[in-house]
N, C-alpha and C. Protein backbone atom coordinates (compact mmCIF):
# COMPACT_ATOMS: atom_id res chain seq x y z
N MET A 1 0.91 -1.19 0.06
CA MET A 1 -0.05 -0.03 0.01
C MET A 1 0.88 1.32 0.04
N ALA A 2 0.55 2.17 -0.70
CA ALA A 2 1.33 3.48 -0.96
C ALA A 2 1.32 4.24 0.43
N GLN A 3 2.35 4.89 0.74
CA GLN A 3 2.41 5.81 1.75
C GLN A 3 1.94 7.00 1.54
N LEU A 4 1.26 7.74 2.48
CA LEU A 4 0.75 9.06 2.23
C LEU A 4 1.80 10.07 2.58
N PRO A 5 1.87 11.25 1.84
CA PRO A 5 2.82 12.31 2.22
C PRO A 5 2.70 12.62 3.78
N PRO A 6 3.96 12.95 4.47
CA PRO A 6 3.92 13.21 5.80
C PRO A 6 2.84 14.45 6.08
N THR A 7 2.68 15.45 5.38
CA THR A 7 1.83 16.42 5.66
C THR A 7 0.47 15.93 5.58
N LEU A 8 0.01 15.23 4.69
CA LEU A 8 -1.25 14.60 4.66
C LEU A 8 -1.62 13.69 5.77
N GLN A 9 -0.56 12.99 6.15
CA GLN A 9 -0.71 12.08 7.35
C GLN A 9 -0.99 12.72 8.61
N ARG A 10 -0.45 13.91 8.77
CA ARG A 10 -0.55 14.73 9.93
C ARG A 10 -2.10 15.41 9.97
N ALA A 11 -2.40 15.75 8.66
CA ALA A 11 -3.77 16.53 8.40
C ALA A 11 -4.86 15.41 8.92
N LEU A 12 -4.64 14.21 8.47
CA LEU A 12 -5.63 13.06 8.73
C LEU A 12 -5.66 12.87 10.16
N LEU A 13 -4.48 12.83 10.78
CA LEU A 13 -4.54 12.27 12.18
C LEU A 13 -5.08 13.59 13.15
N ALA A 14 -4.71 14.79 12.77
CA ALA A 14 -5.29 16.03 13.54
C ALA A 14 -6.59 16.33 13.11
N GLY A 15 -7.18 15.88 12.05
CA GLY A 15 -8.34 16.43 11.58
C GLY A 15 -8.22 17.59 10.70
N ASP A 16 -8.86 17.59 9.55
CA ASP A 16 -8.73 18.82 8.89
C ASP A 16 -9.90 19.87 9.13
N HIS A 17 -9.69 20.78 9.85
CA HIS A 17 -10.45 21.67 10.54
C HIS A 17 -10.90 22.82 9.53
N SER A 18 -11.22 22.48 8.26
CA SER A 18 -11.57 23.40 7.24
C SER A 18 -12.79 22.83 6.45
N ILE A 19 -13.41 23.56 5.38
CA ILE A 19 -14.38 22.98 4.80
C ILE A 19 -13.90 22.40 3.41
N ARG A 20 -12.52 22.55 3.28
CA ARG A 20 -11.93 22.02 2.01
C ARG A 20 -12.56 20.56 1.64
N ALA A 21 -12.98 20.56 0.23
CA ALA A 21 -13.45 19.18 -0.18
C ALA A 21 -14.80 18.82 0.29
N ARG A 22 -15.36 19.55 1.22
CA ARG A 22 -16.75 19.27 1.72
C ARG A 22 -17.68 19.44 0.44
N LYS A 23 -18.75 18.46 0.34
CA LYS A 23 -19.87 18.73 -0.68
C LYS A 23 -20.99 19.36 0.01
N ILE A 24 -21.40 20.37 -0.39
CA ILE A 24 -22.48 21.24 0.11
C ILE A 24 -23.48 21.47 -0.75
N ALA A 25 -24.78 20.94 -0.31
CA ALA A 25 -25.92 21.22 -1.17
C ALA A 25 -26.44 22.65 -1.13
N ILE A 26 -26.81 23.29 -2.14
CA ILE A 26 -27.55 24.56 -2.01
C ILE A 26 -28.82 24.38 -2.73
N LEU A 27 -29.83 24.24 -2.03
CA LEU A 27 -31.17 24.00 -2.65
C LEU A 27 -31.69 25.36 -3.36
N VAL A 28 -31.98 25.10 -4.51
CA VAL A 28 -32.59 26.26 -5.38
C VAL A 28 -33.98 25.71 -6.28
N ALA A 29 -34.75 26.64 -6.51
CA ALA A 29 -35.90 26.35 -7.33
C ALA A 29 -36.22 27.67 -8.04
N HIS A 30 -37.17 27.68 -9.06
CA HIS A 30 -37.45 28.93 -9.65
C HIS A 30 -38.08 29.91 -8.64
N GLY A 31 -37.63 31.28 -8.61
CA GLY A 31 -38.05 32.21 -7.75
C GLY A 31 -37.24 32.56 -6.40
N VAL A 32 -36.03 31.69 -6.49
CA VAL A 32 -35.32 32.02 -5.18
C VAL A 32 -34.54 33.32 -5.47
N GLU A 33 -33.96 33.91 -4.40
CA GLU A 33 -33.14 35.11 -4.53
C GLU A 33 -31.79 34.60 -4.84
N GLY A 34 -31.51 34.83 -6.22
CA GLY A 34 -30.20 34.37 -6.83
C GLY A 34 -29.05 34.91 -6.07
N GLN A 35 -28.95 36.42 -5.75
CA GLN A 35 -27.82 37.11 -5.26
C GLN A 35 -27.36 36.32 -3.98
N SER A 36 -28.31 35.96 -3.11
CA SER A 36 -27.99 35.48 -1.86
C SER A 36 -27.32 33.98 -2.05
N VAL A 37 -27.90 33.13 -2.78
CA VAL A 37 -27.42 31.84 -2.95
C VAL A 37 -26.03 31.81 -3.75
N ALA A 38 -26.01 32.73 -4.77
CA ALA A 38 -24.77 32.85 -5.63
C ALA A 38 -23.53 33.46 -4.68
N GLY A 39 -23.96 34.17 -3.63
CA GLY A 39 -22.91 34.77 -2.85
C GLY A 39 -22.33 33.50 -1.82
N VAL A 40 -23.31 32.87 -1.42
CA VAL A 40 -22.80 31.68 -0.50
C VAL A 40 -22.11 30.70 -1.38
N HIS A 41 -22.35 30.43 -2.59
CA HIS A 41 -21.78 29.39 -3.50
C HIS A 41 -20.25 29.97 -3.68
N ALA A 42 -20.05 31.26 -3.99
CA ALA A 42 -18.81 31.88 -4.40
C ALA A 42 -17.90 31.69 -3.08
N ALA A 43 -18.43 32.00 -1.84
CA ALA A 43 -17.72 32.02 -0.64
C ALA A 43 -17.29 30.54 -0.19
N LEU A 44 -18.09 29.68 -0.53
CA LEU A 44 -17.64 28.10 -0.10
C LEU A 44 -16.72 27.69 -1.17
N LEU A 45 -16.90 28.13 -2.47
CA LEU A 45 -15.82 27.63 -3.42
C LEU A 45 -14.59 28.31 -3.19
N ALA A 46 -14.46 29.47 -2.74
CA ALA A 46 -13.20 30.20 -2.57
C ALA A 46 -12.48 29.57 -1.39
N MET A 47 -13.17 28.90 -0.41
CA MET A 47 -12.64 28.27 0.69
C MET A 47 -12.28 26.76 0.44
N GLY A 48 -12.44 26.26 -0.81
CA GLY A 48 -12.09 24.91 -1.25
C GLY A 48 -13.13 23.95 -1.28
N ALA A 49 -14.50 24.25 -0.69
CA ALA A 49 -15.56 23.38 -0.57
C ALA A 49 -16.07 23.13 -2.04
N HIS A 50 -16.98 22.08 -2.17
CA HIS A 50 -17.64 21.74 -3.47
C HIS A 50 -19.18 22.23 -3.33
N PRO A 51 -19.54 23.29 -3.38
CA PRO A 51 -21.02 23.74 -3.50
C PRO A 51 -21.71 23.26 -4.79
N CYS A 52 -22.82 22.73 -4.63
CA CYS A 52 -23.73 22.12 -5.67
C CYS A 52 -24.97 22.51 -5.63
N TYR A 53 -25.57 23.27 -6.75
CA TYR A 53 -26.88 23.69 -6.80
C TYR A 53 -27.70 22.48 -7.01
N VAL A 54 -28.77 22.26 -6.08
CA VAL A 54 -29.61 21.14 -6.22
C VAL A 54 -30.99 21.65 -6.33
N ALA A 55 -31.85 21.14 -7.32
CA ALA A 55 -33.32 21.63 -7.59
C ALA A 55 -33.92 20.70 -7.90
N PRO A 56 -35.34 20.89 -8.07
CA PRO A 56 -36.26 19.74 -8.49
C PRO A 56 -35.93 19.30 -9.80
N ARG A 57 -35.41 20.10 -10.62
CA ARG A 57 -34.87 19.42 -11.91
C ARG A 57 -33.44 20.01 -12.35
N ILE A 58 -32.58 19.10 -12.96
CA ILE A 58 -31.25 19.78 -13.39
C ILE A 58 -31.52 20.62 -14.50
N GLY A 59 -30.64 21.74 -14.47
CA GLY A 59 -30.77 22.73 -15.51
C GLY A 59 -30.88 24.17 -15.10
N PRO A 60 -31.18 25.00 -15.87
CA PRO A 60 -31.37 26.43 -15.45
C PRO A 60 -32.53 26.75 -14.58
N VAL A 61 -32.24 27.59 -13.66
CA VAL A 61 -33.27 28.18 -12.57
C VAL A 61 -33.44 29.58 -12.69
N LYS A 62 -34.56 29.90 -12.89
CA LYS A 62 -34.97 31.42 -13.08
C LYS A 62 -35.06 32.02 -11.66
N THR A 63 -34.09 32.78 -11.26
CA THR A 63 -34.22 33.51 -9.84
C THR A 63 -34.99 34.74 -9.95
N ALA A 64 -35.42 35.22 -8.84
CA ALA A 64 -36.29 36.43 -8.57
C ALA A 64 -35.60 37.60 -8.99
N ASP A 65 -34.16 37.73 -9.04
CA ASP A 65 -33.39 38.75 -9.37
C ASP A 65 -32.54 38.66 -10.45
N GLY A 66 -32.90 37.82 -11.44
CA GLY A 66 -32.13 37.54 -12.63
C GLY A 66 -30.83 37.07 -12.59
N VAL A 67 -30.19 36.50 -11.52
CA VAL A 67 -29.04 35.81 -11.37
C VAL A 67 -29.12 34.42 -12.12
N PHE A 68 -28.03 34.02 -12.99
CA PHE A 68 -28.01 32.88 -13.74
C PHE A 68 -27.61 31.70 -12.54
N ILE A 69 -28.36 30.76 -12.56
CA ILE A 69 -28.07 29.50 -11.78
C ILE A 69 -28.27 28.31 -12.61
N ASP A 70 -27.41 27.47 -12.61
CA ASP A 70 -27.71 26.12 -13.36
C ASP A 70 -27.65 25.17 -12.23
N ALA A 71 -28.62 24.38 -12.06
CA ALA A 71 -28.65 23.28 -11.10
C ALA A 71 -27.91 22.06 -11.62
N GLU A 72 -26.98 21.54 -10.88
CA GLU A 72 -26.21 20.43 -11.32
C GLU A 72 -26.74 18.97 -11.07
N ALA A 73 -27.55 19.12 -10.00
CA ALA A 73 -28.19 17.97 -9.49
C ALA A 73 -29.66 18.07 -9.17
N SER A 74 -30.42 17.03 -9.10
CA SER A 74 -31.80 17.11 -8.74
C SER A 74 -32.10 16.46 -7.40
N LEU A 75 -33.23 17.01 -6.71
CA LEU A 75 -33.41 16.40 -5.32
C LEU A 75 -33.76 14.85 -5.32
N GLU A 76 -34.19 14.38 -6.50
CA GLU A 76 -34.36 13.09 -6.59
C GLU A 76 -33.18 12.03 -6.85
N ASN A 77 -32.24 12.75 -7.87
CA ASN A 77 -30.98 11.75 -8.14
C ASN A 77 -29.97 12.07 -7.20
N GLU A 78 -29.84 13.07 -6.22
CA GLU A 78 -28.82 13.07 -5.32
C GLU A 78 -29.43 13.35 -3.96
N PRO A 79 -29.76 12.41 -3.25
CA PRO A 79 -30.47 12.63 -1.97
C PRO A 79 -29.56 13.44 -0.76
N GLY A 80 -30.21 13.73 0.23
CA GLY A 80 -29.58 14.67 1.23
C GLY A 80 -28.32 13.89 1.84
N PHE A 81 -28.42 12.71 2.11
CA PHE A 81 -27.33 11.97 2.92
C PHE A 81 -25.87 12.04 2.20
N LEU A 82 -26.07 12.40 0.76
CA LEU A 82 -24.78 12.37 0.02
C LEU A 82 -23.97 13.64 0.22
N PHE A 83 -24.57 14.59 0.87
CA PHE A 83 -23.76 15.96 1.02
C PHE A 83 -23.41 16.07 2.37
N ASP A 84 -22.37 16.89 2.83
CA ASP A 84 -21.79 17.26 4.05
C ASP A 84 -22.54 18.29 4.82
N ALA A 85 -23.30 18.95 3.99
CA ALA A 85 -23.96 20.19 4.53
C ALA A 85 -25.07 20.69 3.62
N MET A 86 -25.88 21.67 4.00
CA MET A 86 -27.01 22.07 3.18
C MET A 86 -27.18 23.50 3.38
N VAL A 87 -27.53 24.35 2.35
CA VAL A 87 -28.00 25.64 2.47
C VAL A 87 -29.46 25.75 1.86
N LEU A 88 -30.28 26.32 2.58
CA LEU A 88 -31.72 26.46 2.23
C LEU A 88 -31.71 28.14 1.67
N PRO A 89 -32.40 28.30 0.63
CA PRO A 89 -32.39 29.67 0.02
C PRO A 89 -33.26 30.66 0.65
N ASP A 90 -33.25 31.96 0.18
CA ASP A 90 -34.19 32.90 0.60
C ASP A 90 -35.16 33.00 -0.78
N GLY A 91 -36.17 33.91 -0.67
CA GLY A 91 -37.05 34.06 -1.71
C GLY A 91 -38.37 33.12 -1.62
N VAL A 92 -39.51 33.81 -1.17
CA VAL A 92 -40.96 33.17 -0.85
C VAL A 92 -41.19 32.39 -2.00
N THR A 93 -41.11 32.69 -3.28
CA THR A 93 -41.51 32.05 -4.35
C THR A 93 -40.68 30.61 -4.60
N GLY A 94 -39.45 30.85 -4.44
CA GLY A 94 -38.58 29.68 -4.49
C GLY A 94 -38.68 28.64 -3.45
N VAL A 95 -39.00 29.22 -2.35
CA VAL A 95 -39.14 28.27 -1.12
C VAL A 95 -40.54 27.42 -1.37
N GLN A 96 -41.59 28.29 -1.84
CA GLN A 96 -42.89 27.57 -2.13
C GLN A 96 -42.66 26.48 -3.20
N ALA A 97 -41.79 26.72 -4.16
CA ALA A 97 -41.65 25.80 -5.34
C ALA A 97 -40.95 24.52 -4.65
N LEU A 98 -39.94 24.83 -3.84
CA LEU A 98 -39.10 23.65 -3.29
C LEU A 98 -40.24 22.76 -2.24
N ASP A 99 -41.06 23.56 -1.60
CA ASP A 99 -42.05 22.86 -0.75
C ASP A 99 -43.07 21.99 -1.43
N ARG A 100 -43.30 22.41 -2.72
CA ARG A 100 -44.18 21.58 -3.58
C ARG A 100 -43.46 20.17 -4.14
N ASP A 101 -42.20 20.20 -4.08
CA ASP A 101 -41.62 18.85 -4.47
C ASP A 101 -41.47 18.04 -3.32
N SER A 102 -41.97 16.67 -3.42
CA SER A 102 -42.10 15.95 -2.25
C SER A 102 -40.64 15.35 -1.88
N HIS A 103 -39.55 15.54 -2.80
CA HIS A 103 -38.22 15.06 -2.34
C HIS A 103 -37.63 16.20 -1.32
N THR A 104 -38.12 17.41 -1.29
CA THR A 104 -37.38 18.44 -0.43
C THR A 104 -37.53 18.06 0.97
N ARG A 105 -38.61 17.65 1.48
CA ARG A 105 -38.73 17.23 2.90
C ARG A 105 -37.80 16.18 3.23
N ALA A 106 -37.78 15.16 2.42
CA ALA A 106 -36.80 14.01 2.74
C ALA A 106 -35.42 14.45 2.71
N PHE A 107 -35.02 15.31 1.87
CA PHE A 107 -33.62 15.85 1.67
C PHE A 107 -33.29 16.53 3.08
N ILE A 108 -34.21 17.39 3.44
CA ILE A 108 -33.97 18.13 4.65
C ILE A 108 -33.94 17.17 5.92
N ARG A 109 -34.87 16.32 6.04
CA ARG A 109 -34.82 15.30 7.18
C ARG A 109 -33.46 14.48 7.00
N ASP A 110 -33.02 14.00 5.99
CA ASP A 110 -31.72 13.32 5.85
C ASP A 110 -30.58 14.21 6.29
N GLN A 111 -30.52 15.35 6.01
CA GLN A 111 -29.35 16.27 6.46
C GLN A 111 -29.40 16.47 7.99
N HIS A 112 -30.63 16.80 8.43
CA HIS A 112 -30.81 16.97 9.80
C HIS A 112 -30.52 15.52 10.56
N GLY A 113 -31.17 14.55 10.20
CA GLY A 113 -31.01 13.36 10.74
C GLY A 113 -29.60 12.79 10.84
N CYS A 114 -28.87 13.06 9.83
CA CYS A 114 -27.44 12.67 9.91
C CYS A 114 -26.57 13.63 10.54
N GLY A 115 -27.19 14.66 11.33
CA GLY A 115 -26.38 15.57 12.20
C GLY A 115 -25.52 16.44 11.42
N LYS A 116 -25.93 16.89 10.08
CA LYS A 116 -25.17 17.84 9.27
C LYS A 116 -25.53 19.18 9.41
N ALA A 117 -24.72 20.14 9.13
CA ALA A 117 -24.92 21.53 9.22
C ALA A 117 -25.95 22.12 8.23
N ILE A 118 -26.76 22.92 8.63
CA ILE A 118 -27.80 23.64 7.78
C ILE A 118 -27.75 25.12 7.93
N LEU A 119 -27.63 25.83 6.82
CA LEU A 119 -27.89 27.16 6.83
C LEU A 119 -29.27 27.49 6.10
N ALA A 120 -30.02 28.06 6.89
CA ALA A 120 -31.49 28.26 6.59
C ALA A 120 -31.71 29.87 6.39
N MET A 121 -31.67 30.37 5.35
CA MET A 121 -31.97 31.71 5.16
C MET A 121 -33.48 31.93 5.46
N PRO A 122 -33.80 33.30 5.88
CA PRO A 122 -35.28 33.51 6.49
C PRO A 122 -36.47 32.75 5.88
N ALA A 123 -36.58 32.91 4.64
CA ALA A 123 -37.79 32.45 3.87
C ALA A 123 -37.95 30.87 4.15
N SER A 124 -36.68 30.28 4.27
CA SER A 124 -36.65 28.82 4.38
C SER A 124 -36.95 28.24 5.77
N LEU A 125 -37.26 29.08 6.67
CA LEU A 125 -37.72 28.55 7.91
C LEU A 125 -39.06 27.86 7.73
N ALA A 126 -39.80 28.05 6.55
CA ALA A 126 -40.99 27.42 6.45
C ALA A 126 -40.78 25.99 5.88
N LEU A 127 -39.59 25.79 5.33
CA LEU A 127 -39.21 24.48 4.78
C LEU A 127 -38.64 23.58 6.10
N LEU A 128 -38.15 24.19 6.98
CA LEU A 128 -37.74 23.36 8.31
C LEU A 128 -38.88 22.93 8.92
N ASP A 129 -39.94 23.93 9.08
CA ASP A 129 -41.10 23.63 9.75
C ASP A 129 -41.92 22.46 9.04
N ALA A 130 -42.05 22.48 7.62
CA ALA A 130 -42.88 21.48 6.86
C ALA A 130 -41.99 20.12 6.99
N ALA A 131 -40.74 20.16 7.23
CA ALA A 131 -39.89 18.95 7.23
C ALA A 131 -40.04 18.39 8.80
N GLY A 132 -40.55 19.18 9.77
CA GLY A 132 -40.48 18.75 11.13
C GLY A 132 -39.12 18.84 11.69
N VAL A 133 -38.21 19.70 11.30
CA VAL A 133 -36.98 19.81 11.76
C VAL A 133 -36.96 21.03 12.83
N SER A 134 -36.31 20.82 13.92
CA SER A 134 -36.45 21.80 15.04
C SER A 134 -35.05 22.62 14.90
N THR A 135 -35.06 23.80 15.22
CA THR A 135 -33.76 24.59 15.37
C THR A 135 -33.23 24.47 16.68
N THR A 136 -33.87 23.70 17.65
CA THR A 136 -33.42 23.77 19.00
C THR A 136 -32.85 22.15 19.12
N LEU A 137 -32.08 21.95 20.19
CA LEU A 137 -31.63 20.69 20.67
C LEU A 137 -32.87 20.24 21.79
N PRO A 138 -32.64 18.87 22.01
CA PRO A 138 -33.60 18.30 22.92
C PRO A 138 -33.55 19.08 24.28
N SER A 139 -32.43 19.63 24.64
CA SER A 139 -32.22 20.37 25.84
C SER A 139 -32.89 21.70 25.96
N GLY A 140 -33.32 22.12 24.56
CA GLY A 140 -34.02 23.50 24.51
C GLY A 140 -33.05 24.59 24.03
N GLN A 141 -31.75 24.20 24.13
CA GLN A 141 -30.75 25.20 23.67
C GLN A 141 -30.82 25.23 22.06
N PRO A 142 -30.40 26.34 21.45
CA PRO A 142 -30.27 26.44 20.13
C PRO A 142 -29.40 25.43 19.48
N ASP A 143 -29.67 24.83 18.36
CA ASP A 143 -28.80 23.88 17.70
C ASP A 143 -27.79 24.55 16.90
N PRO A 144 -26.58 24.29 17.40
CA PRO A 144 -25.36 24.95 16.70
C PRO A 144 -25.16 24.49 15.26
N GLY A 145 -25.84 23.45 14.81
CA GLY A 145 -25.62 23.07 13.50
C GLY A 145 -26.69 23.57 12.56
N VAL A 146 -27.59 24.35 13.08
CA VAL A 146 -28.77 24.95 12.24
C VAL A 146 -28.41 26.50 12.32
N VAL A 147 -27.91 27.07 11.36
CA VAL A 147 -27.72 28.48 11.38
C VAL A 147 -28.94 29.29 10.63
N ILE A 148 -29.58 30.19 11.12
CA ILE A 148 -30.62 30.81 10.63
C ILE A 148 -30.22 32.31 10.20
N GLY A 149 -30.35 32.68 8.88
CA GLY A 149 -29.99 33.91 8.41
C GLY A 149 -28.96 33.95 7.38
N HIS A 150 -28.12 34.84 7.33
CA HIS A 150 -27.07 34.85 6.24
C HIS A 150 -25.70 34.72 6.81
N ASP A 151 -25.46 34.27 7.95
CA ASP A 151 -24.12 34.31 8.62
C ASP A 151 -23.34 33.20 8.20
N ILE A 152 -22.57 33.45 7.07
CA ILE A 152 -21.79 32.38 6.46
C ILE A 152 -20.63 31.89 7.32
N THR A 153 -20.07 32.74 8.07
CA THR A 153 -18.98 32.51 9.13
C THR A 153 -19.53 31.40 10.13
N ALA A 154 -20.76 31.65 10.63
CA ALA A 154 -21.23 30.64 11.69
C ALA A 154 -21.66 29.24 10.99
N PHE A 155 -21.99 29.42 9.61
CA PHE A 155 -22.38 28.12 8.93
C PHE A 155 -20.99 27.46 8.66
N ILE A 156 -20.02 28.03 8.40
CA ILE A 156 -18.60 27.30 8.11
C ILE A 156 -18.32 26.73 9.33
N ARG A 157 -18.48 27.34 10.60
CA ARG A 157 -17.98 26.64 11.80
C ARG A 157 -18.78 25.48 12.16
N ALA A 158 -20.06 25.47 11.64
CA ALA A 158 -20.92 24.40 11.76
C ALA A 158 -20.47 23.17 10.88
N VAL A 159 -20.09 23.64 9.58
CA VAL A 159 -19.81 22.55 8.66
C VAL A 159 -18.36 21.82 9.06
N VAL A 160 -17.48 22.63 9.60
CA VAL A 160 -16.17 22.14 10.15
C VAL A 160 -16.36 21.01 11.02
N ARG A 161 -17.43 21.10 12.00
CA ARG A 161 -17.79 20.10 12.79
C ARG A 161 -18.14 18.80 12.17
N LEU A 162 -18.52 18.76 11.00
CA LEU A 162 -19.10 17.75 10.18
C LEU A 162 -20.29 17.02 10.65
N ARG A 163 -20.51 16.88 11.91
CA ARG A 163 -21.66 16.33 12.55
C ARG A 163 -22.11 16.94 13.72
N HIS A 164 -23.26 16.98 14.05
CA HIS A 164 -23.87 17.51 15.30
C HIS A 164 -24.72 16.44 16.13
N PRO A 165 -24.05 15.46 16.75
CA PRO A 165 -24.71 14.35 17.35
C PRO A 165 -25.58 14.90 18.58
N GLU A 166 -25.34 15.89 19.12
CA GLU A 166 -26.05 16.48 20.21
C GLU A 166 -27.61 16.61 19.76
N ARG A 167 -27.91 16.54 18.67
CA ARG A 167 -29.33 16.62 18.05
C ARG A 167 -30.07 15.48 18.70
N HIS A 168 -29.37 14.29 18.86
CA HIS A 168 -30.09 13.10 19.15
C HIS A 168 -29.89 12.75 20.66
N ALA A 169 -29.35 13.60 21.47
CA ALA A 169 -29.04 13.29 22.78
C ALA A 169 -30.36 13.13 23.53
N ALA A 170 -30.43 12.23 24.50
CA ALA A 170 -31.47 12.08 25.32
C ALA A 170 -31.82 13.36 26.01
N PRO A 171 -33.18 13.74 26.10
CA PRO A 171 -33.57 14.84 26.94
C PRO A 171 -33.06 14.76 28.29
N PRO A 172 -32.88 15.84 29.04
CA PRO A 172 -32.41 15.74 30.32
C PRO A 172 -33.51 15.30 31.32
N THR A 173 -33.35 14.54 32.36
CA THR A 173 -34.25 14.16 33.30
C THR A 173 -34.23 14.98 34.59
N HIS A 174 -35.21 15.32 35.19
CA HIS A 174 -35.28 16.06 36.33
C HIS A 174 -35.47 15.27 37.52
């Protein structure tokens, strides 16, 4: 078996505390706010992650603000558990279009159930609710793996952890 270079061996032993090479789904549909998801896509790409636009159908997505987005994957052909994290978009019309697709809820539940990081822009809170996903832990504390809003820095910190197993911790007994 081939030996890994010493720097890679150290990185694997220490754990790579970055988002480099992480595959991150950015859910989109006709009517999303293109500027916000394109900004997240660019930031993730610049940090070495592999952001992927995922939509109900592969191909061009008409955004509310005219930003060109080309979905590389569909909700059906690449389920949520295949990604390291997920971004849910802003834009009421786009969120409603995602909510109409039966695969969206399963995708969100897969991400949450696997303990993965989620960035939910404000309009997407409706998607979390529809999927039955809580933004709090069983203890009642906010879930550090679910970032609400546009805070890309907090999202990156959540992605670096890779998993958030505290979501499944037993509730405290009194």
